[in-house]
């Protein structure tokens, strides 16, 4: 089943994001290589694909996991979580309707 992982950053998370980004991306690449990643990306703090020093306010991931518990465990082990980037992380079942 698919699950959405919606993360909200702490204030001024940019430096911690930069430091943990290589490990964060490596985990996403594993999901992608397994064909389980639907989408992933950050929420820029401003209306720009490259927010520069304004940074980001969070991240969204939609991926396939065996269970809600497995999705939560994966999210809890994210390098951004370990680095203190995220203030909150919400994991919920997700039903993809579009694109079909």
PDB file of N, CA and C in Angstrom:
ATOM      1  N   UNK A   1       0.845  -1.179   0.000  1.00  0.00           N
ATOM      2  CA  UNK A   1       0.000   0.000   0.000  1.00  0.00           C
ATOM      3  C   UNK A   1       0.888   1.239   0.000  1.00  0.00           C
ATOM      4  N   UNK A   2       0.319   2.328  -0.506  1.00  0.00           N
ATOM      5  CA  UNK A   2       1.039   3.601  -0.493  1.00  0.00           C
ATOM      6  C   UNK A   2       0.797   4.338   0.819  1.00  0.00           C
ATOM      7  N   UNK A   3       1.818   5.122   1.199  1.00  0.00           N
ATOM      8  CA  UNK A   3       1.742   5.943   2.400  1.00  0.00           C
ATOM      9  C   UNK A   3       2.326   7.312   2.095  1.00  0.00           C
ATOM     10  N   UNK A   4       1.705   8.345   2.659  1.00  0.00           N
ATOM     11  CA  UNK A   4       2.269   9.687   2.555  1.00  0.00           C
ATOM     12  C   UNK A   4       3.023   9.977   3.847  1.00  0.00           C
ATOM     13  N   UNK A   5       4.179  10.571   3.679  1.00  0.00           N
ATOM     14  CA  UNK A   5       5.003  10.993   4.812  1.00  0.00           C
ATOM     15  C   UNK A   5       5.169  12.498   4.661  1.00  0.00           C
ATOM     16  N   UNK A   6       4.506  13.240   5.534  1.00  0.00           N
ATOM     17  CA  UNK A   6       4.513  14.697   5.462  1.00  0.00           C
ATOM     18  C   UNK A   6       5.284  15.218   6.665  1.00  0.00           C
ATOM     19  N   UNK A   7       6.363  15.923   6.380  1.00  0.00           N
ATOM     20  CA  UNK A   7       7.274  16.390   7.423  1.00  0.00           C
ATOM     21  C   UNK A   7       7.284  17.916   7.466  1.00  0.00           C
ATOM     22  N   UNK A   8       7.296  18.453   8.657  1.00  0.00           N
ATOM     23  CA  UNK A   8       7.395  19.899   8.856  1.00  0.00           C
ATOM     24  C   UNK A   8       8.727  20.192   9.536  1.00  0.00           C
ATOM     25  N   UNK A   9       9.478  21.117   8.954  1.00  0.00           N
ATOM     26  CA  UNK A   9      10.797  21.464   9.487  1.00  0.00           C
ATOM     27  C   UNK A   9      10.711  22.360  10.718  1.00  0.00           C
ATOM     28  N   UNK A  10      11.771  22.317  11.509  1.00  0.00           N
ATOM     29  CA  UNK A  10      11.980  23.296  12.567  1.00  0.00           C
ATOM     30  C   UNK A  10      12.350  24.623  11.907  1.00  0.00           C
ATOM     31  N   UNK A  11      12.339  25.690  12.640  1.00  0.00           N
ATOM     32  CA  UNK A  11      12.816  26.982  12.138  1.00  0.00           C
ATOM     33  C   UNK A  11      14.305  26.868  11.806  1.00  0.00           C
ATOM     34  N   UNK A  12      14.717  27.540  10.755  1.00  0.00           N
ATOM     35  CA  UNK A  12      16.136  27.614  10.382  1.00  0.00           C
ATOM     36  C   UNK A  12      16.782  26.231  10.224  1.00  0.00           C
ATOM     37  N   UNK A  13      16.132  25.367   9.460  1.00  0.00           N
ATOM     38  CA  UNK A  13      16.605  23.991   9.300  1.00  0.00           C
ATOM     39  C   UNK A  13      17.644  23.818   8.191  1.00  0.00           C
ATOM     40  N   UNK A  14      17.926  24.867   7.441  1.00  0.00           N
ATOM     41  CA  UNK A  14      18.706  24.720   6.214  1.00  0.00           C
ATOM     42  C   UNK A  14      20.083  24.089   6.431  1.00  0.00           C
ATOM     43  N   UNK A  15      20.824  24.516   7.408  1.00  0.00           N
ATOM     44  CA  UNK A  15      22.170  23.968   7.612  1.00  0.00           C
ATOM     45  C   UNK A  15      22.125  22.496   7.997  1.00  0.00           C
ATOM     46  N   UNK A  16      21.182  22.119   8.845  1.00  0.00           N
ATOM     47  CA  UNK A  16      21.041  20.711   9.222  1.00  0.00           C
ATOM     48  C   UNK A  16      20.599  19.882   8.013  1.00  0.00           C
ATOM     49  N   UNK A  17      19.731  20.456   7.174  1.00  0.00           N
ATOM     50  CA  UNK A  17      19.305  19.777   5.944  1.00  0.00           C
ATOM     51  C   UNK A  17      20.511  19.514   5.043  1.00  0.00           C
ATOM     52  N   UNK A  18      21.308  20.536   4.838  1.00  0.00           N
ATOM     53  CA  UNK A  18      22.474  20.399   3.964  1.00  0.00           C
ATOM     54  C   UNK A  18      23.402  19.285   4.449  1.00  0.00           C
ATOM     55  N   UNK A  19      23.627  19.234   5.749  1.00  0.00           N
ATOM     56  CA  UNK A  19      24.548  18.244   6.313  1.00  0.00           C
ATOM     57  C   UNK A  19      24.017  16.815   6.147  1.00  0.00           C
ATOM     58  N   UNK A  20      22.707  16.625   6.299  1.00  0.00           N
ATOM     59  CA  UNK A  20      22.126  15.280   6.262  1.00  0.00           C
ATOM     60  C   UNK A  20      21.626  14.885   4.870  1.00  0.00           C
ATOM     61  N   UNK A  21      21.644  15.806   3.919  1.00  0.00           N
ATOM     62  CA  UNK A  21      21.047  15.566   2.600  1.00  0.00           C
ATOM     63  C   UNK A  21      21.613  14.354   1.856  1.00  0.00           C
ATOM     64  N   UNK A  22      22.928  14.149   1.791  1.00  0.00           N
ATOM     65  CA  UNK A  22      23.428  12.984   1.044  1.00  0.00           C
ATOM     66  C   UNK A  22      22.857  11.659   1.564  1.00  0.00           C
ATOM     67  N   UNK A  23      22.798  11.490   2.867  1.00  0.00           N
ATOM     68  CA  UNK A  23      22.265  10.253   3.437  1.00  0.00           C
ATOM     69  C   UNK A  23      20.754  10.155   3.212  1.00  0.00           C
ATOM     70  N   UNK A  24      20.049  11.269   3.311  1.00  0.00           N
ATOM     71  CA  UNK A  24      18.606  11.317   3.060  1.00  0.00           C
ATOM     72  C   UNK A  24      18.310  10.892   1.618  1.00  0.00           C
ATOM     73  N   UNK A  25      19.051  11.450   0.664  1.00  0.00           N
ATOM     74  CA  UNK A  25      18.838  11.111  -0.742  1.00  0.00           C
ATOM     75  C   UNK A  25      19.190   9.656  -1.041  1.00  0.00           C
ATOM     76  N   UNK A  26      20.204   9.131  -0.387  1.00  0.00           N
ATOM     77  CA  UNK A  26      20.593   7.740  -0.601  1.00  0.00           C
ATOM     78  C   UNK A  26      19.460   6.793  -0.211  1.00  0.00           C
ATOM     79  N   UNK A  27      18.760   7.084   0.873  1.00  0.00           N
ATOM     80  CA  UNK A  27      17.625   6.239   1.286  1.00  0.00           C
ATOM     81  C   UNK A  27      16.491   6.331   0.284  1.00  0.00           C
ATOM     82  N   UNK A  28      16.247   7.525  -0.249  1.00  0.00           N
ATOM     83  CA  UNK A  28      15.199   7.684  -1.253  1.00  0.00           C
ATOM     84  C   UNK A  28      15.562   6.954  -2.543  1.00  0.00           C
ATOM     85  N   UNK A  29      16.833   6.958  -2.894  1.00  0.00           N
ATOM     86  CA  UNK A  29      17.281   6.240  -4.095  1.00  0.00           C
ATOM     87  C   UNK A  29      17.050   4.739  -3.965  1.00  0.00           C
ATOM     88  N   UNK A  30      17.188   4.207  -2.764  1.00  0.00           N
ATOM     89  CA  UNK A  30      16.912   2.782  -2.543  1.00  0.00           C
ATOM     90  C   UNK A  30      15.438   2.501  -2.844  1.00  0.00           C
ATOM     91  N   UNK A  31      14.537   3.328  -2.309  1.00  0.00           N
ATOM     92  CA  UNK A  31      13.104   3.157  -2.598  1.00  0.00           C
ATOM     93  C   UNK A  31      12.835   3.283  -4.095  1.00  0.00           C
ATOM     94  N   UNK A  32      13.478   4.247  -4.724  1.00  0.00           N
ATOM     95  CA  UNK A  32      13.297   4.449  -6.162  1.00  0.00           C
ATOM     96  C   UNK A  32      13.774   3.227  -6.948  1.00  0.00           C
ATOM     97  N   UNK A  33      14.933   2.710  -6.607  1.00  0.00           N
ATOM     98  CA  UNK A  33      15.483   1.549  -7.306  1.00  0.00           C
ATOM     99  C   UNK A  33      14.630   0.300  -7.098  1.00  0.00           C
ATOM    100  N   UNK A  34      13.910   0.244  -5.999  1.00  0.00           N
ATOM    101  CA  UNK A  34      13.013  -0.874  -5.720  1.00  0.00           C
ATOM    102  C   UNK A  34      11.645  -0.674  -6.386  1.00  0.00           C
ATOM    103  N   UNK A  35      11.434   0.475  -7.038  1.00  0.00           N
ATOM    104  CA  UNK A  35      10.165   0.766  -7.677  1.00  0.00           C
ATOM    105  C   UNK A  35       9.057   1.126  -6.696  1.00  0.00           C
ATOM    106  N   UNK A  36       9.425   1.559  -5.500  1.00  0.00           N
ATOM    107  CA  UNK A  36       8.442   1.847  -4.444  1.00  0.00           C
ATOM    108  C   UNK A  36       8.202   3.339  -4.232  1.00  0.00           C
ATOM    109  N   UNK A  37       9.023   4.193  -4.816  1.00  0.00           N
ATOM    110  CA  UNK A  37       8.900   5.630  -4.609  1.00  0.00           C
ATOM    111  C   UNK A  37       8.004   6.241  -5.684  1.00  0.00           C
ATOM    112  N   UNK A  38       6.948   6.922  -5.256  1.00  0.00           N
ATOM    113  CA  UNK A  38       6.032   7.596  -6.173  1.00  0.00           C
ATOM    114  C   UNK A  38       6.480   9.040  -6.390  1.00  0.00           C
ATOM    115  N   UNK A  39       6.772   9.735  -5.304  1.00  0.00           N
ATOM    116  CA  UNK A  39       7.286  11.101  -5.391  1.00  0.00           C
ATOM    117  C   UNK A  39       7.943  11.487  -4.082  1.00  0.00           C
ATOM    118  N   UNK A  40       8.831  12.455  -4.168  1.00  0.00           N
ATOM    119  CA  UNK A  40       9.492  12.965  -2.971  1.00  0.00           C
ATOM    120  C   UNK A  40      10.069  14.328  -3.285  1.00  0.00           C
ATOM    121  N   UNK A  41      10.018  15.211  -2.313  1.00  0.00           N
ATOM    122  CA  UNK A  41      10.625  16.516  -2.494  1.00  0.00           C
ATOM    123  C   UNK A  41      10.328  17.441  -1.328  1.00  0.00           C
ATOM    124  N   UNK A  42      11.077  18.554  -1.281  1.00  0.00           N
ATOM    125  CA  UNK A  42      10.905  19.521  -0.201  1.00  0.00           C
ATOM    126  C   UNK A  42       9.876  20.594  -0.552  1.00  0.00           C
ATOM    127  N   UNK A  43       9.432  21.291   0.485  1.00  0.00           N
ATOM    128  CA  UNK A  43       8.553  22.451   0.342  1.00  0.00           C
ATOM    129  C   UNK A  43       9.405  23.707   0.528  1.00  0.00           C
ATOM    130  N   UNK A  44       9.688  24.456  -0.563  1.00  0.00           N
ATOM    131  CA  UNK A  44      10.467  25.683  -0.414  1.00  0.00           C
ATOM    132  C   UNK A  44       9.744  26.697   0.471  1.00  0.00           C
ATOM    133  N   UNK A  45      10.522  27.470   1.209  1.00  0.00           N
ATOM    134  CA  UNK A  45       9.957  28.501   2.094  1.00  0.00           C
ATOM    135  C   UNK A  45       9.359  29.668   1.324  1.00  0.00           C
ATOM    136  N   UNK A  46       9.817  29.847   0.088  1.00  0.00           N
ATOM    137  CA  UNK A  46       9.300  30.933  -0.745  1.00  0.00           C
ATOM    138  C   UNK A  46       8.853  30.346  -2.080  1.00  0.00           C
ATOM    139  N   UNK A  47       8.182  31.131  -2.869  1.00  0.00           N
ATOM    140  CA  UNK A  47       7.630  30.683  -4.146  1.00  0.00           C
ATOM    141  C   UNK A  47       8.734  30.601  -5.197  1.00  0.00           C
ATOM    142  N   UNK A  48       9.594  29.581  -5.043  1.00  0.00           N
ATOM    143  CA  UNK A  48      10.734  29.415  -5.938  1.00  0.00           C
ATOM    144  C   UNK A  48      11.237  27.982  -5.854  1.00  0.00           C
ATOM    145  N   UNK A  49      11.631  27.405  -6.991  1.00  0.00           N
ATOM    146  CA  UNK A  49      12.235  26.073  -6.967  1.00  0.00           C
ATOM    147  C   UNK A  49      13.577  26.077  -6.252  1.00  0.00           C
ATOM    148  N   UNK A  50      14.266  27.215  -6.257  1.00  0.00           N
ATOM    149  CA  UNK A  50      15.539  27.348  -5.561  1.00  0.00           C
ATOM    150  C   UNK A  50      15.413  28.485  -4.551  1.00  0.00           C
ATOM    151  N   UNK A  51      15.004  28.172  -3.317  1.00  0.00           N
ATOM    152  CA  UNK A  51      14.765  29.229  -2.339  1.00  0.00           C
ATOM    153  C   UNK A  51      16.026  29.816  -1.718  1.00  0.00           C
ATOM    154  N   UNK A  52      17.198  29.292  -2.087  1.00  0.00           N
ATOM    155  CA  UNK A  52      18.445  29.833  -1.543  1.00  0.00           C
ATOM    156  C   UNK A  52      18.458  29.792  -0.029  1.00  0.00           C
ATOM    157  N   UNK A  53      18.862  30.890   0.583  1.00  0.00           N
ATOM    158  CA  UNK A  53      19.001  30.932   2.039  1.00  0.00           C
ATOM    159  C   UNK A  53      17.661  30.917   2.762  1.00  0.00           C
ATOM    160  N   UNK A  54      16.547  31.098   2.043  1.00  0.00           N
ATOM    161  CA  UNK A  54      15.231  31.021   2.683  1.00  0.00           C
ATOM    162  C   UNK A  54      14.936  29.599   3.146  1.00  0.00           C
ATOM    163  N   UNK A  55      15.528  28.619   2.466  1.00  0.00           N
ATOM    164  CA  UNK A  55      15.405  27.234   2.895  1.00  0.00           C
ATOM    165  C   UNK A  55      14.062  26.607   2.597  1.00  0.00           C
ATOM    166  N   UNK A  56      13.700  25.660   3.440  1.00  0.00           N
ATOM    167  CA  UNK A  56      12.523  24.835   3.218  1.00  0.00           C
ATOM    168  C   UNK A  56      11.694  24.739   4.489  1.00  0.00           C
ATOM    169  N   UNK A  57      10.412  24.425   4.313  1.00  0.00           N
ATOM    170  CA  UNK A  57       9.514  24.298   5.463  1.00  0.00           C
ATOM    171  C   UNK A  57       9.144  22.850   5.763  1.00  0.00           C
ATOM    172  N   UNK A  58       9.543  21.942   4.897  1.00  0.00           N
ATOM    173  CA  UNK A  58       9.215  20.544   5.121  1.00  0.00           C
ATOM    174  C   UNK A  58       9.473  19.703   3.897  1.00  0.00           C
ATOM    175  N   UNK A  59       8.949  18.478   3.927  1.00  0.00           N
ATOM    176  CA  UNK A  59       9.134  17.528   2.833  1.00  0.00           C
ATOM    177  C   UNK A  59       7.895  16.656   2.707  1.00  0.00           C
ATOM    178  N   UNK A  60       7.698  16.119   1.503  1.00  0.00           N
ATOM    179  CA  UNK A  60       6.617  15.172   1.248  1.00  0.00           C
ATOM    180  C   UNK A  60       7.198  13.968   0.519  1.00  0.00           C
ATOM    181  N   UNK A  61       6.828  12.796   0.981  1.00  0.00           N
ATOM    182  CA  UNK A  61       7.233  11.547   0.348  1.00  0.00           C
ATOM    183  C   UNK A  61       5.984  10.689   0.207  1.00  0.00           C
ATOM    184  N   UNK A  62       5.794  10.106  -0.957  1.00  0.00           N
ATOM    185  CA  UNK A  62       4.750   9.093  -1.150  1.00  0.00           C
ATOM    186  C   UNK A  62       5.455   7.853  -1.673  1.00  0.00           C
ATOM    187  N   UNK A  63       5.307   6.765  -0.925  1.00  0.00           N
ATOM    188  CA  UNK A  63       6.008   5.532  -1.284  1.00  0.00           C
ATOM    189  C   UNK A  63       5.216   4.319  -0.823  1.00  0.00           C
ATOM    190  N   UNK A  64       5.596   3.175  -1.379  1.00  0.00           N
ATOM    191  CA  UNK A  64       4.943   1.920  -1.030  1.00  0.00           C
ATOM    192  C   UNK A  64       5.690   1.229   0.106  1.00  0.00           C
ATOM    193  N   UNK A  65       4.923   0.798   1.104  1.00  0.00           N
ATOM    194  CA  UNK A  65       5.465   0.043   2.232  1.00  0.00           C
ATOM    195  C   UNK A  65       4.537  -1.125   2.528  1.00  0.00           C
ATOM    196  N   UNK A  66       5.023  -2.104   3.272  1.00  0.00           N
ATOM    197  CA  UNK A  66       4.223  -3.290   3.610  1.00  0.00           C
ATOM    198  C   UNK A  66       3.088  -2.968   4.567  1.00  0.00           C
ATOM    199  N   UNK A  67       3.294  -1.939   5.410  1.00  0.00           N
ATOM    200  CA  UNK A  67       2.300  -1.607   6.430  1.00  0.00           C
ATOM    201  C   UNK A  67       2.531  -0.181   6.913  1.00  0.00           C
ATOM    202  N   UNK A  68       1.557   0.325   7.647  1.00  0.00           N
ATOM    203  CA  UNK A  68       1.701   1.638   8.264  1.00  0.00           C
ATOM    204  C   UNK A  68       2.877   1.639   9.223  1.00  0.00           C
ATOM    205  N   UNK A  69       3.034   0.558   9.956  1.00  0.00           N
ATOM    206  CA  UNK A  69       4.150   0.459  10.908  1.00  0.00           C
ATOM    207  C   UNK A  69       5.498   0.506  10.184  1.00  0.00           C
ATOM    208  N   UNK A  70       5.584  -0.177   9.041  1.00  0.00           N
ATOM    209  CA  UNK A  70       6.831  -0.170   8.272  1.00  0.00           C
ATOM    210  C   UNK A  70       7.126   1.224   7.734  1.00  0.00           C
ATOM    211  N   UNK A  71       6.092   1.924   7.278  1.00  0.00           N
ATOM    212  CA  UNK A  71       6.275   3.291   6.780  1.00  0.00           C
ATOM    213  C   UNK A  71       6.727   4.214   7.906  1.00  0.00           C
ATOM    214  N   UNK A  72       6.127   4.056   9.091  1.00  0.00           N
ATOM    215  CA  UNK A  72       6.502   4.884  10.244  1.00  0.00           C
ATOM    216  C   UNK A  72       7.930   4.597  10.670  1.00  0.00           C
ATOM    217  N   UNK A  73       8.325   3.330  10.689  1.00  0.00           N
ATOM    218  CA  UNK A  73       9.701   2.969  11.049  1.00  0.00           C
ATOM    219  C   UNK A  73      10.688   3.572  10.058  1.00  0.00           C
ATOM    220  N   UNK A  74      10.352   3.509   8.751  1.00  0.00           N
ATOM    221  CA  UNK A  74      11.225   4.081   7.732  1.00  0.00           C
ATOM    222  C   UNK A  74      11.360   5.585   7.959  1.00  0.00           C
ATOM    223  N   UNK A  75      10.246   6.263   8.204  1.00  0.00           N
ATOM    224  CA  UNK A  75      10.275   7.708   8.427  1.00  0.00           C
ATOM    225  C   UNK A  75      11.080   8.063   9.681  1.00  0.00           C
ATOM    226  N   UNK A  76      10.913   7.283  10.722  1.00  0.00           N
ATOM    227  CA  UNK A  76      11.634   7.554  11.978  1.00  0.00           C
ATOM    228  C   UNK A  76      13.143   7.416  11.815  1.00  0.00           C
ATOM    229  N   UNK A  77      13.572   6.583  10.868  1.00  0.00           N
ATOM    230  CA  UNK A  77      15.008   6.344  10.656  1.00  0.00           C
ATOM    231  C   UNK A  77      15.621   7.292   9.632  1.00  0.00           C
ATOM    232  N   UNK A  78      14.854   8.248   9.132  1.00  0.00           N
ATOM    233  CA  UNK A  78      15.370   9.177   8.126  1.00  0.00           C
ATOM    234  C   UNK A  78      16.493  10.035   8.711  1.00  0.00           C
ATOM    235  N   UNK A  79      17.558  10.248   7.957  1.00  0.00           N
ATOM    236  CA  UNK A  79      18.654  11.091   8.438  1.00  0.00           C
ATOM    237  C   UNK A  79      18.223  12.513   8.802  1.00  0.00           C
ATOM    238  N   UNK A  80      17.211  13.056   8.122  1.00  0.00           N
ATOM    239  CA  UNK A  80      16.722  14.386   8.507  1.00  0.00           C
ATOM    240  C   UNK A  80      16.093  14.340   9.899  1.00  0.00           C
ATOM    241  N   UNK A  81      15.391  13.271  10.217  1.00  0.00           N
ATOM    242  CA  UNK A  81      14.818  13.133  11.557  1.00  0.00           C
ATOM    243  C   UNK A  81      15.933  13.040  12.593  1.00  0.00           C
ATOM    244  N   UNK A  82      16.945  12.230  12.301  1.00  0.00           N
ATOM    245  CA  UNK A  82      18.067  12.068  13.225  1.00  0.00           C
ATOM    246  C   UNK A  82      18.837  13.370  13.419  1.00  0.00           C
ATOM    247  N   UNK A  83      18.894  14.207  12.371  1.00  0.00           N
ATOM    248  CA  UNK A  83      19.628  15.474  12.443  1.00  0.00           C
ATOM    249  C   UNK A  83      18.801  16.593  13.077  1.00  0.00           C
ATOM    250  N   UNK A  84      17.557  16.298  13.433  1.00  0.00           N
ATOM    251  CA  UNK A  84      16.718  17.317  14.065  1.00  0.00           C
ATOM    252  C   UNK A  84      16.108  18.314  13.095  1.00  0.00           C
ATOM    253  N   UNK A  85      16.069  17.969  11.813  1.00  0.00           N
ATOM    254  CA  UNK A  85      15.488  18.864  10.801  1.00  0.00           C
ATOM    255  C   UNK A  85      13.979  18.972  10.988  1.00  0.00           C
ATOM    256  N   UNK A  86      13.339  17.861  11.302  1.00  0.00           N
ATOM    257  CA  UNK A  86      11.879  17.827  11.343  1.00  0.00           C
ATOM    258  C   UNK A  86      11.323  18.133  12.726  1.00  0.00           C
ATOM    259  N   UNK A  87      10.308  18.974  12.735  1.00  0.00           N
ATOM    260  CA  UNK A  87       9.554  19.249  13.960  1.00  0.00           C
ATOM    261  C   UNK A  87       8.466  18.193  14.136  1.00  0.00           C
ATOM    262  N   UNK A  88       7.783  17.869  13.021  1.00  0.00           N
ATOM    263  CA  UNK A  88       6.747  16.840  13.059  1.00  0.00           C
ATOM    264  C   UNK A  88       6.846  15.974  11.817  1.00  0.00           C
ATOM    265  N   UNK A  89       6.421  14.729  11.959  1.00  0.00           N
ATOM    266  CA  UNK A  89       6.353  13.788  10.850  1.00  0.00           C
ATOM    267  C   UNK A  89       5.021  13.055  10.964  1.00  0.00           C
ATOM    268  N   UNK A  90       4.214  13.136   9.907  1.00  0.00           N
ATOM    269  CA  UNK A  90       2.919  12.472   9.888  1.00  0.00           C
ATOM    270  C   UNK A  90       2.912  11.434   8.780  1.00  0.00           C
ATOM    271  N   UNK A  91       2.600  10.197   9.135  1.00  0.00           N
ATOM    272  CA  UNK A  91       2.551   9.099   8.179  1.00  0.00           C
ATOM    273  C   UNK A  91       1.108   8.604   8.118  1.00  0.00           C
ATOM    274  N   UNK A  92       0.571   8.562   6.893  1.00  0.00           N
ATOM    275  CA  UNK A  92      -0.813   8.119   6.704  1.00  0.00           C
ATOM    276  C   UNK A  92      -0.918   7.244   5.462  1.00  0.00           C
ATOM    277  N   UNK A  93      -1.898   6.323   5.456  1.00  0.00           N
ATOM    278  CA  UNK A  93      -2.175   5.597   4.221  1.00  0.00           C
ATOM    279  C   UNK A  93      -2.579   6.584   3.127  1.00  0.00           C
ATOM    280  N   UNK A  94      -2.233   6.251   1.883  1.00  0.00           N
ATOM    281  CA  UNK A  94      -2.491   7.144   0.753  1.00  0.00           C
ATOM    282  C   UNK A  94      -3.072   6.335  -0.391  1.00  0.00           C
ATOM    283  N   UNK A  95      -4.166   6.818  -0.948  1.00  0.00           N
ATOM    284  CA  UNK A  95      -4.780   6.178  -2.116  1.00  0.00           C
ATOM    285  C   UNK A  95      -4.562   7.065  -3.320  1.00  0.00           C
ATOM    286  N   UNK A  96      -3.740   6.597  -4.248  1.00  0.00           N
ATOM    287  CA  UNK A  96      -3.461   7.363  -5.470  1.00  0.00           C
ATOM    288  C   UNK A  96      -4.630   7.216  -6.430  1.00  0.00           C
ATOM    289  N   UNK A  97      -5.178   8.359  -6.873  1.00  0.00           N
ATOM    290  CA  UNK A  97      -6.255   8.380  -7.837  1.00  0.00           C
ATOM    291  C   UNK A  97      -5.734   8.868  -9.190  1.00  0.00           C
ATOM    292  N   UNK A  98      -4.938   9.913  -9.180  1.00  0.00           N
ATOM    293  CA  UNK A  98      -4.334  10.463 -10.407  1.00  0.00           C
ATOM    294  C   UNK A  98      -2.852  10.654 -10.194  1.00  0.00           C
ATOM    295  N   UNK A  99      -2.022  10.522 -11.231  1.00  0.00           N
ATOM    296  CA  UNK A  99      -2.422  10.002 -12.529  1.00  0.00           C
ATOM    297  C   UNK A  99      -2.752   8.526 -12.420  1.00  0.00           C
ATOM    298  N   UNK A 100      -3.669   8.077 -13.282  1.00  0.00           N
ATOM    299  CA  UNK A 100      -4.079   6.671 -13.233  1.00  0.00           C
ATOM    300  C   UNK A 100      -3.337   5.864 -14.271  1.00  0.00           C
TER     301      UNK A 100
END
